[in-house]
C-alpha cells in the first residue's frame, strides 16, 4: 500500500500544482475581467457625460438663438404697430382738419377774388347719384349719407333704380364732403394695414 502511495504521490503533487496554477490563472483572468470592465465602464460613463454635456450646450445655443429671433420679431412687430398707430393718428388729424373746412367751403363762394362772398347755390344730387356713390364705396344700395346739421333739405326716399334715380336725394354738399373725408380716412387705414402686412410677409419669406 505504501509503495502504491509512493507511486501516486508525485502524480498528486502534479495535480495539486496544476490546480494551483489553474486557480491562479482563473483569479488572474477574473482580475483582468474586473479591471477591463471597470475601465470600459469608466470610459463609457465619460463618453456619455461628454455627449450629455454637448447635447445640453447645443440645446442652450438653440434656445438662445430662438430667443434672439423671437425678440427680433417682437421688436419688428412693435415697430410696425407703432408705424400703423402713427399713420392712423395722422389720418385722424387730417380728417379733423378737413371736417373743420367743410362748413366753410360749402356755405359761401366768390364769383371772383375781389367779389363779395355769396351763399353757395344749392347743388342737387339725385337718388341715382347717391346710389352709384354708395355702391362705388362698397355700401349697400340705398345706404344713407352721414347726417349733417341744418342741411335745409328734405331727402327723398329711394325706391330703386329707374325714374326714382332722377329724384332729388336731399344730400347736400356738406354731407357729400363729410362722407368723402370719412371714406378717405378709412381707405388710408386700410392701405397702411395692407402695407404693414406686405412688409411683414416679405420679411417672413426671407
Protein backbone atom coordinates (compact mmCIF):
# COMPACT_ATOMS: atom_id res chain seq x y z
CA UNK A 1 0.00 0.00 0.00
CA UNK A 2 2.82 2.29 0.91
CA UNK A 3 4.52 1.52 -2.34
CA UNK A 4 1.36 2.39 -4.23
CA UNK A 5 1.07 5.69 -2.31
CA UNK A 6 4.70 6.48 -3.06
CA UNK A 7 3.98 5.80 -6.71
CA UNK A 8 0.91 8.03 -6.78
CA UNK A 9 2.43 10.78 -4.61
CA UNK A 10 4.25 12.53 -7.47
CA UNK A 11 1.09 12.44 -9.51
CA UNK A 12 -0.85 14.05 -6.67
CA UNK A 13 1.77 16.75 -6.44
CA UNK A 14 1.41 17.40 -10.12
CA UNK A 15 -2.36 17.55 -9.84
CA UNK A 16 -2.07 19.92 -6.88
CA UNK A 17 0.37 22.17 -8.65
CA UNK A 18 -1.80 22.11 -11.75
CA UNK A 19 -4.87 23.00 -9.68
CA UNK A 20 -2.99 25.89 -8.09
CA UNK A 21 -1.85 27.11 -11.50
CA UNK A 22 -5.38 26.83 -12.92
CA UNK A 23 -6.85 28.64 -9.91
CA UNK A 24 -4.19 31.32 -10.22
CA UNK A 25 -4.99 31.74 -13.89
CA UNK A 26 -8.66 31.95 -13.02
CA UNK A 27 -8.02 34.61 -10.44
CA UNK A 28 -5.79 36.48 -12.85
CA UNK A 29 -8.44 36.23 -15.53
CA UNK A 30 -11.13 37.43 -13.12
CA UNK A 31 -8.97 40.33 -12.05
CA UNK A 32 -8.38 41.18 -15.71
CA UNK A 33 -12.08 40.97 -16.42
CA UNK A 34 -12.96 43.19 -13.48
CA UNK A 35 -10.22 45.63 -14.42
CA UNK A 36 -11.35 45.66 -18.07
CA UNK A 37 -15.00 46.05 -17.09
CA UNK A 38 -14.18 48.90 -14.73
CA UNK A 39 -12.06 50.62 -17.36
CA UNK A 40 -14.75 50.18 -20.02
CA UNK A 41 -17.45 51.44 -17.66
CA UNK A 42 -15.35 54.46 -16.72
CA UNK A 43 -14.73 55.27 -20.36
CA UNK A 44 -18.39 54.69 -21.24
CA UNK A 45 -19.58 56.93 -18.42
CA UNK A 46 -17.13 59.62 -19.51
CA UNK A 47 -18.32 59.36 -23.12
CA UNK A 48 -21.97 59.55 -22.03
CA UNK A 49 -21.22 62.53 -19.82
CA UNK A 50 -19.41 64.21 -22.70
CA UNK A 51 -22.36 63.58 -25.06
CA UNK A 52 -24.84 64.83 -22.47
CA UNK A 53 -22.77 67.97 -21.96
CA UNK A 54 -22.54 68.56 -25.71
CA UNK A 55 -26.29 68.00 -26.09
CA UNK A 56 -27.00 70.43 -23.26
CA UNK A 57 -24.71 73.02 -24.84
CA UNK A 58 -26.39 72.59 -28.24
CA UNK A 59 -29.82 72.94 -26.63
CA UNK A 60 -28.65 76.09 -24.86
CA UNK A 61 -27.32 77.54 -28.12
CA UNK A 62 -30.59 76.69 -29.93
CA UNK A 63 -32.64 78.21 -27.11
CA UNK A 64 -30.57 81.40 -27.14
CA UNK A 65 -30.87 81.66 -30.94
CA UNK A 66 -34.64 81.13 -30.75
CA UNK A 67 -34.89 83.78 -28.03
CA UNK A 68 -32.91 86.28 -30.12
CA UNK A 69 -35.14 85.56 -33.13
CA UNK A 70 -38.27 85.94 -31.01
CA UNK A 71 -37.09 89.27 -29.63
CA UNK A 72 -36.23 90.45 -33.14
CA UNK A 73 -39.71 89.53 -34.39
CA UNK A 74 -41.31 91.22 -31.37
CA UNK A 75 -39.32 94.39 -31.98
CA UNK A 76 -40.26 94.37 -35.66
CA UNK A 77 -43.90 93.76 -34.79
CA UNK A 78 -43.83 96.62 -32.27
CA UNK A 79 -42.22 98.88 -34.87
CA UNK A 80 -44.91 98.04 -37.46
CA UNK A 81 -47.63 98.57 -34.85
CA UNK A 82 -46.10 101.92 -33.91
CA UNK A 83 -45.91 102.99 -37.56
CA UNK A 84 -49.53 101.97 -38.09
CA UNK A 85 -50.62 103.88 -34.99
CA UNK A 86 -48.74 106.95 -36.23
CA UNK A 87 -50.41 106.64 -39.64
CA UNK A 88 -53.86 106.35 -38.03
CA UNK A 89 -53.13 109.40 -35.89
CA UNK A 90 -52.01 111.38 -38.94
CA UNK A 91 -55.13 110.33 -40.87
CA UNK A 92 -57.34 111.30 -37.94
CA UNK A 93 -55.70 114.73 -37.76
CA UNK A 94 -56.29 115.16 -41.49
CA UNK A 95 -59.94 114.12 -41.08
CA UNK A 96 -60.43 116.59 -38.22
CA UNK A 97 -58.81 119.40 -40.22
CA UNK A 98 -60.84 118.70 -43.35
CA UNK A 99 -64.04 118.32 -41.33
CA UNK A 100 -63.41 121.78 -39.94
CA UNK A 101 -63.06 123.11 -43.52
CA UNK A 102 -66.33 121.55 -44.74
CA UNK A 103 -68.66 124.18 -43.30
CA UNK A 104 -66.54 126.98 -44.72
CA UNK A 105 -66.27 125.59 -48.24
CA UNK A 106 -69.96 124.60 -48.52
CA UNK A 107 -71.65 127.80 -47.34
CA UNK A 108 -70.18 130.72 -49.30
CA UNK A 109 -68.37 131.29 -52.55
CA UNK A 110 -66.99 134.25 -54.56
CA UNK A 111 -67.53 134.83 -58.26
CA UNK A 112 -64.03 136.37 -58.33
CA UNK A 113 -61.21 137.01 -55.90
CA UNK A 114 -62.30 140.64 -55.41
CA UNK A 115 -66.03 139.85 -55.24
CA UNK A 116 -68.05 139.64 -52.05
CA UNK A 117 -68.93 136.20 -50.65
CA UNK A 118 -72.36 134.90 -51.65
CA UNK A 119 -74.40 131.97 -50.39
CA UNK A 120 -73.37 128.85 -52.22
CA UNK A 121 -76.10 127.73 -54.64
CA UNK A 122 -77.82 124.51 -53.71
CA UNK A 123 -76.44 121.52 -55.61
CA UNK A 124 -78.85 118.74 -56.47
CA UNK A 125 -77.58 115.20 -56.04
CA UNK A 126 -80.07 112.73 -57.39
CA UNK A 127 -81.02 109.46 -55.77
CA UNK A 128 -79.22 107.72 -58.60
CA UNK A 129 -76.09 109.74 -57.87
CA UNK A 130 -76.16 108.67 -54.22
CA UNK A 131 -76.81 105.04 -55.19
CA UNK A 132 -73.79 104.98 -57.52
CA UNK A 133 -71.66 106.80 -54.94
CA UNK A 134 -72.51 104.34 -52.17
CA UNK A 135 -72.09 101.30 -54.40
CA UNK A 136 -68.66 102.52 -55.55
CA UNK A 137 -67.67 102.86 -51.89
CA UNK A 138 -68.80 99.34 -51.07
CA UNK A 139 -72.04 100.30 -49.32
CA UNK A 140 -75.35 98.59 -49.85
CA UNK A 141 -77.69 100.27 -52.33
CA UNK A 142 -79.93 102.73 -50.56
CA UNK A 143 -77.48 103.37 -47.72
CA UNK A 144 -77.85 106.86 -46.34
CA UNK A 145 -75.20 109.57 -46.38
CA UNK A 146 -73.92 110.69 -42.98
CA UNK A 147 -76.31 113.17 -41.41
CA UNK A 148 -75.33 116.82 -41.41
CA UNK A 149 -76.79 119.50 -39.17
CA UNK A 150 -79.01 122.21 -40.67
CA UNK A 151 -78.95 120.80 -44.18
CA UNK A 152 -82.18 122.58 -45.08
CA UNK A 153 -83.05 119.75 -47.47
CA UNK A 154 -85.66 117.03 -47.24
CA UNK A 155 -84.29 113.70 -48.51
CA UNK A 156 -86.44 111.77 -50.94
CA UNK A 157 -86.74 108.07 -50.05
CA UNK A 158 -85.08 105.87 -52.64
CA UNK A 159 -87.32 103.38 -54.37
CA UNK A 160 -84.81 101.55 -56.55
CA UNK A 161 -83.35 102.26 -59.99
CA UNK A 162 -85.42 103.76 -62.74
CA UNK A 163 -87.25 107.05 -62.68
CA UNK A 164 -86.64 107.31 -58.92
CA UNK A 165 -82.95 107.76 -59.75
CA UNK A 166 -83.85 111.18 -61.19
CA UNK A 167 -85.32 112.50 -57.92
CA UNK A 168 -83.52 114.84 -55.53
CA UNK A 169 -81.85 112.71 -52.84
CA UNK A 170 -81.74 115.58 -50.36
CA UNK A 171 -77.99 115.07 -49.93
CA UNK A 172 -76.12 118.33 -49.52
CA UNK A 173 -72.59 119.31 -50.49
CA UNK A 174 -71.67 119.29 -46.81
CA UNK A 175 -72.86 115.71 -46.40
CA UNK A 176 -71.11 114.62 -49.55
CA UNK A 177 -67.78 116.09 -48.40
CA UNK A 178 -68.21 114.63 -44.90
CA UNK A 179 -68.74 111.21 -46.44
CA UNK A 180 -65.71 111.57 -48.68
CA UNK A 181 -63.47 112.71 -45.80
CA UNK A 182 -64.51 109.72 -43.69
CA UNK A 183 -64.02 107.34 -46.60
CA UNK A 184 -60.59 108.82 -47.21
CA UNK A 185 -59.55 108.12 -43.60
CA UNK A 186 -60.85 104.53 -43.72
CA UNK A 187 -59.19 103.88 -47.06
CA UNK A 188 -55.92 105.32 -45.73
CA UNK A 189 -56.05 102.99 -42.70
CA UNK A 190 -56.70 100.01 -44.98
CA UNK A 191 -53.75 100.96 -47.18
CA UNK A 192 -51.47 101.31 -44.13
CA UNK A 193 -52.57 97.94 -42.73
CA UNK A 194 -52.08 96.27 -46.09
CA UNK A 195 -48.62 97.81 -46.41
CA UNK A 196 -47.66 96.55 -42.94
CA UNK A 197 -48.94 93.08 -43.80
CA UNK A 198 -46.96 93.03 -47.06
CA UNK A 199 -43.78 94.15 -45.29
CA UNK A 200 -44.27 91.51 -42.61
CA UNK A 201 -44.87 88.77 -45.20
CA UNK A 202 -41.84 89.76 -47.27
CA UNK A 203 -39.63 89.65 -44.20
CA UNK A 204 -41.01 86.26 -43.17
CA UNK A 205 -40.26 84.78 -46.59
CA UNK A 206 -36.57 85.74 -46.48
